Amino acid sequence: MSGGAFLSEIFSSIQGEGPYIGMRQVFVRFLDCNLDCSYCDTENKRAVLRECRIEKEAGIGLFSYLPNPVSIDELEASLTALEGFDGLHHSISITGGEPLLQAEFIRGWLEAAKKRRAIYLETNGTLPEKLKSLIDKIDIISMDIKLPGTGAIAPQWEAHRSFLEIAAEREVFVKVVVSAATKDGELDHALEIIESVNAAIPLVIQAMTVDGRPDEGLSPRRIFDIQERASRRLKDVRIIPQTHKITGVL
């Protein structure tokens, strides 16, 4: 995969989730995912997106297009055009899909990059061996723990545990999406994984959205109950919605 990456888009925007909410980033969105969560709102398939769209200048919302796969040189040229003045962007967000499916390309890109930038990885937290191959190139990790009942997927507990043990070598926080279908037993399993690695790892609770709207069956009282349950075991538990959807930015 080091010869080129399958990407969906490269653009400048604000981080809409987690503790770095509101920070300006350049987003590099990779195609494909090894999971199929019921609430996923991102088109991830290579067969559907044969081109990558690239914002021409930071924040203007006008795009050019490159055929997939995108080379390291093409990616670097796109980033240079977007980065703007020093201090505009906090970091580069490597996101998806599941970007670690293309870990070989990512490592080759980060090793070849002429300019050192802070790297922020957004991942579903299920590919520990892939993370291990490039953990030394990553600065911040936003890791999901997928609750089976919420995402309608098979349990990923052992993969999540192994992944978090590696991710803890860097700055990491965990995000859990909750809905009316979230079960206390599944939540407790996620909390046990985080607590066993380090109870000080921040946990972000994010209410599921459907077509951009909150899950109507998830009451504010239930969200508070989930936070209280988590706070009995972890030191830093926050409720943070997807603010980029609220503000209408990319």
Protein backbone atom coordinates (compact mmCIF):
# COMPACT_ATOMS: atom_id res chain seq x y z
CA MET A 1 0.00 0.00 0.00
CA SER A 2 3.03 2.30 0.24
CA GLY A 3 2.67 3.17 -3.48
CA GLY A 4 -0.59 5.06 -2.96
CA ALA A 5 -3.56 5.49 -0.66
CA PHE A 6 -7.28 5.32 -1.28
CA LEU A 7 -8.68 8.58 0.10
CA SER A 8 -12.08 10.24 0.05
CA GLU A 9 -11.14 13.84 0.89
CA ILE A 10 -8.54 16.28 2.20
CA PHE A 11 -9.81 19.52 3.72
CA SER A 12 -9.40 22.13 6.47
CA SER A 13 -11.98 22.42 9.23
CA ILE A 14 -12.46 22.37 12.99
CA GLN A 15 -12.33 19.21 15.07
CA GLY A 16 -15.94 18.50 15.97
CA GLU A 17 -15.54 15.69 18.54
CA GLY A 18 -13.67 15.01 21.74
CA PRO A 19 -11.44 17.17 23.96
CA TYR A 20 -9.80 18.93 21.00
CA ILE A 21 -13.16 20.26 19.87
CA GLY A 22 -12.90 23.56 18.01
CA MET A 23 -9.21 23.18 17.11
CA ARG A 24 -8.44 23.78 13.44
CA GLN A 25 -7.07 20.73 11.63
CA VAL A 26 -6.31 19.47 8.16
CA PHE A 27 -8.28 16.25 7.69
CA VAL A 28 -7.00 13.38 5.56
CA ARG A 29 -9.88 10.92 5.24
CA PHE A 30 -9.00 7.35 4.24
CA LEU A 31 -11.40 4.96 2.51
CA ASP A 32 -12.52 1.52 3.72
CA CYS A 33 -13.43 0.23 7.17
CA ASN A 34 -13.29 -3.20 8.77
CA LEU A 35 -16.54 -2.54 10.68
CA ASP A 36 -20.05 -1.59 9.59
CA CYS A 37 -21.60 0.31 12.49
CA SER A 38 -25.30 1.04 12.11
CA TYR A 39 -24.86 4.75 12.88
CA CYS A 40 -21.91 5.37 10.53
CA ASP A 41 -22.48 8.45 8.35
CA THR A 42 -19.33 8.23 6.20
CA GLU A 43 -19.06 6.72 2.73
CA ASN A 44 -16.14 4.31 3.02
CA LYS A 45 -16.10 2.12 -0.09
CA ARG A 46 -13.36 2.31 -2.71
CA ALA A 47 -15.69 1.04 -5.42
CA VAL A 48 -18.02 4.01 -4.89
CA LEU A 49 -15.45 6.79 -4.47
CA ARG A 50 -12.94 6.47 -7.29
CA GLU A 51 -11.69 10.04 -6.77
CA CYS A 52 -10.44 12.01 -3.78
CA ARG A 53 -11.71 15.56 -3.41
CA ILE A 54 -9.19 18.13 -2.19
CA GLU A 55 -10.03 21.57 -0.85
CA LYS A 56 -8.13 24.18 -2.89
CA GLU A 57 -7.52 26.60 0.00
CA ALA A 58 -8.15 26.29 3.72
CA GLY A 59 -11.78 26.89 4.60
CA ILE A 60 -13.13 28.02 1.20
CA GLY A 61 -15.12 24.85 0.45
CA LEU A 62 -14.01 24.63 -3.20
CA PHE A 63 -12.51 21.35 -4.36
CA SER A 64 -10.39 19.78 -7.04
CA TYR A 65 -10.22 16.02 -7.64
CA LEU A 66 -7.52 13.37 -7.94
CA PRO A 67 -8.02 9.76 -9.01
CA ASN A 68 -7.35 7.07 -6.41
CA PRO A 69 -4.89 5.87 -5.29
CA VAL A 70 -3.20 9.13 -4.20
CA SER A 71 0.61 9.16 -4.03
CA ILE A 72 2.70 10.51 -1.16
CA ASP A 73 3.86 13.39 -3.37
CA GLU A 74 0.28 14.28 -4.29
CA LEU A 75 -0.78 14.14 -0.65
CA GLU A 76 2.13 16.34 0.47
CA ALA A 77 1.39 18.91 -2.27
CA SER A 78 -2.26 19.02 -1.17
CA LEU A 79 -1.29 19.54 2.47
CA THR A 80 1.15 22.32 1.59
CA ALA A 81 -1.60 24.16 -0.31
CA LEU A 82 -3.99 23.86 2.64
CA GLU A 83 -1.80 24.57 5.63
CA GLY A 84 -1.84 28.36 5.36
CA PHE A 85 0.11 30.45 7.86
CA ASP A 86 2.01 28.95 10.78
CA GLY A 87 -0.30 28.42 13.72
CA LEU A 88 -3.55 28.14 11.75
CA HIS A 89 -3.78 24.37 12.14
CA HIS A 90 -3.25 22.50 15.37
CA SER A 91 -2.53 19.16 13.66
CA ILE A 92 -3.30 16.79 10.81
CA SER A 93 -6.20 14.46 11.51
CA ILE A 94 -5.79 11.03 9.94
CA THR A 95 -9.35 9.75 9.82
CA GLY A 96 -11.69 7.50 7.88
CA GLY A 97 -13.19 4.98 7.41
CA GLU A 98 -10.50 3.14 9.33
CA PRO A 99 -7.14 4.65 8.37
CA LEU A 100 -5.08 1.86 9.94
CA LEU A 101 -6.20 -0.47 7.16
CA GLN A 102 -3.63 1.53 5.13
CA ALA A 103 -1.00 1.70 7.88
CA GLU A 104 1.87 0.83 5.52
CA PHE A 105 1.14 3.89 3.38
CA ILE A 106 0.72 6.12 6.45
CA ARG A 107 4.10 5.08 7.83
CA GLY A 108 5.80 5.66 4.48
CA TRP A 109 4.14 9.07 4.16
CA LEU A 110 5.07 10.22 7.67
CA GLU A 111 8.66 9.02 7.23
CA ALA A 112 8.96 10.85 3.91
CA ALA A 113 7.22 14.08 5.01
CA LYS A 114 9.57 17.05 4.68
CA LYS A 115 7.82 18.98 7.45
CA ARG A 116 7.10 17.56 10.90
CA ARG A 117 3.48 18.12 11.86
CA ALA A 118 1.47 17.02 14.89
CA ILE A 119 -0.43 13.85 13.91
CA TYR A 120 -3.87 13.14 15.34
CA LEU A 121 -5.21 9.64 14.60
CA GLU A 122 -8.95 8.91 14.64
CA THR A 123 -9.55 5.16 14.77
CA ASN A 124 -12.09 2.50 15.68
CA GLY A 125 -9.47 0.90 17.93
CA THR A 126 -9.65 -2.65 16.59
CA LEU A 127 -6.31 -3.11 14.75
CA PRO A 128 -3.61 -3.21 17.45
CA GLU A 129 -0.86 -4.69 15.26
CA LYS A 130 -1.36 -1.95 12.69
CA LEU A 131 -1.13 0.69 15.42
CA LYS A 132 2.05 -0.89 16.77
CA SER A 133 3.70 -0.50 13.35
CA LEU A 134 3.46 3.31 13.46
CA ILE A 135 2.86 4.31 17.09
CA ASP A 136 6.17 6.20 17.05
CA LYS A 137 4.78 8.50 14.33
CA ILE A 138 1.54 9.43 16.15
CA ASP A 139 1.10 12.24 18.69
CA ILE A 140 -2.58 12.01 19.73
CA ILE A 141 -5.00 9.09 19.40
CA SER A 142 -8.78 9.39 19.38
CA MET A 143 -9.88 5.80 19.93
CA ASP A 144 -13.41 4.46 19.72
CA ILE A 145 -14.64 1.60 21.87
CA LYS A 146 -17.54 0.16 19.93
CA LEU A 147 -20.48 -1.03 22.03
CA PRO A 148 -22.02 -4.00 20.16
CA GLY A 149 -25.63 -3.17 21.01
CA THR A 150 -25.26 0.47 19.93
CA GLY A 151 -23.47 -0.17 16.66
CA ALA A 152 -25.13 -3.52 15.83
CA ILE A 153 -21.73 -5.17 15.37
CA ALA A 154 -19.88 -8.15 16.82
CA PRO A 155 -18.00 -7.53 20.11
CA GLN A 156 -14.44 -6.20 19.74
CA TRP A 157 -13.42 -6.32 23.41
CA GLU A 158 -10.05 -8.06 23.19
CA ALA A 159 -8.96 -6.04 20.17
CA HIS A 160 -9.94 -2.85 22.02
CA ARG A 161 -7.98 -3.89 25.11
CA SER A 162 -4.82 -4.69 23.14
CA PHE A 163 -5.18 -1.50 21.14
CA LEU A 164 -5.55 0.75 24.18
CA GLU A 165 -2.50 -0.82 25.84
CA ILE A 166 -0.43 0.26 22.82
CA ALA A 167 -2.17 3.63 22.41
CA ALA A 168 -1.38 4.50 26.04
CA GLU A 169 2.24 5.06 24.95
CA ARG A 170 0.95 8.33 23.48
CA GLU A 171 -1.68 10.89 24.40
CA VAL A 172 -4.98 9.04 24.02
CA PHE A 173 -8.65 9.48 24.80
CA VAL A 174 -11.52 7.07 24.28
CA LYS A 175 -14.87 7.87 22.67
CA VAL A 176 -18.00 5.79 23.23
CA VAL A 177 -21.16 6.37 21.19
CA VAL A 178 -24.34 5.74 23.18
CA SER A 179 -27.99 5.42 22.21
CA ALA A 180 -31.29 4.19 23.61
CA ALA A 181 -30.01 0.67 22.81
CA THR A 182 -26.89 1.00 24.99
CA LYS A 183 -26.75 -1.69 27.66
CA ASP A 184 -25.19 -1.13 31.08
CA GLY A 185 -23.30 -4.43 30.85
CA GLU A 186 -21.61 -3.39 27.61
CA LEU A 187 -20.79 0.01 29.02
CA ASP A 188 -19.27 -1.63 32.09
CA HIS A 189 -17.11 -3.83 29.86
CA ALA A 190 -15.76 -0.73 28.09
CA LEU A 191 -15.12 0.99 31.42
CA GLU A 192 -13.24 -2.05 32.73
CA ILE A 193 -10.93 -1.98 29.70
CA ILE A 194 -10.10 1.70 30.17
CA GLU A 195 -9.71 1.38 33.94
CA SER A 196 -7.39 -1.62 33.59
CA VAL A 197 -5.02 0.37 31.36
CA ASN A 198 -5.23 3.75 33.11
CA ALA A 199 -8.23 5.26 34.89
CA ALA A 200 -6.94 8.72 34.00
CA ILE A 201 -7.48 8.19 30.25
CA PRO A 202 -10.27 10.62 29.30
CA LEU A 203 -13.60 9.14 28.19
CA VAL A 204 -15.88 11.08 25.85
CA ILE A 205 -19.54 10.05 25.80
CA GLN A 206 -21.17 10.94 22.50
CA ALA A 207 -24.88 10.61 21.85
CA MET A 208 -25.65 8.80 18.61
CA THR A 209 -27.10 10.85 15.78
CA VAL A 210 -29.28 9.55 12.95
CA ASP A 211 -29.21 11.64 9.77
CA GLY A 212 -27.72 14.48 11.80
CA ARG A 213 -30.39 14.36 14.52
CA PRO A 214 -30.01 13.05 18.08
CA ASP A 215 -31.42 9.64 18.94
CA GLU A 216 -34.91 10.55 20.14
CA GLY A 217 -35.04 7.57 22.49
CA LEU A 218 -31.98 8.74 24.45
CA SER A 219 -33.08 11.12 27.19
CA PRO A 220 -30.84 13.68 28.92
CA ARG A 221 -31.40 11.77 32.18
CA ARG A 222 -30.07 8.58 30.61
CA ILE A 223 -26.97 10.40 29.32
CA PHE A 224 -26.35 11.76 32.82
CA ASP A 225 -26.80 8.27 34.27
CA ILE A 226 -24.19 6.93 31.86
CA GLN A 227 -21.76 9.69 32.81
CA GLU A 228 -22.32 9.04 36.53
CA ARG A 229 -21.77 5.30 36.03
CA ALA A 230 -18.50 5.94 34.18
CA SER A 231 -17.31 8.55 36.69
CA ARG A 232 -17.36 5.97 39.48
CA ARG A 233 -14.47 4.21 37.71
CA LEU A 234 -12.70 6.85 35.60
CA LYS A 235 -11.27 10.25 36.47
CA ASP A 236 -12.20 12.27 33.37
CA VAL A 237 -15.63 11.63 31.81
CA ARG A 238 -17.16 14.19 29.46
CA ILE A 239 -20.37 14.46 27.43
CA ILE A 240 -19.52 16.05 24.08
CA PRO A 241 -21.80 16.07 21.00
CA GLN A 242 -20.71 16.21 17.37
CA THR A 243 -20.41 19.99 17.13
CA HIS A 244 -19.37 20.10 13.48
CA LYS A 245 -22.87 18.88 12.62
CA ILE A 246 -24.40 21.60 14.79
CA THR A 247 -22.34 24.36 13.14
CA GLY A 248 -22.74 22.93 9.64
CA VAL A 249 -19.04 22.83 8.76
CA LEU A 250 -17.26 20.02 6.92
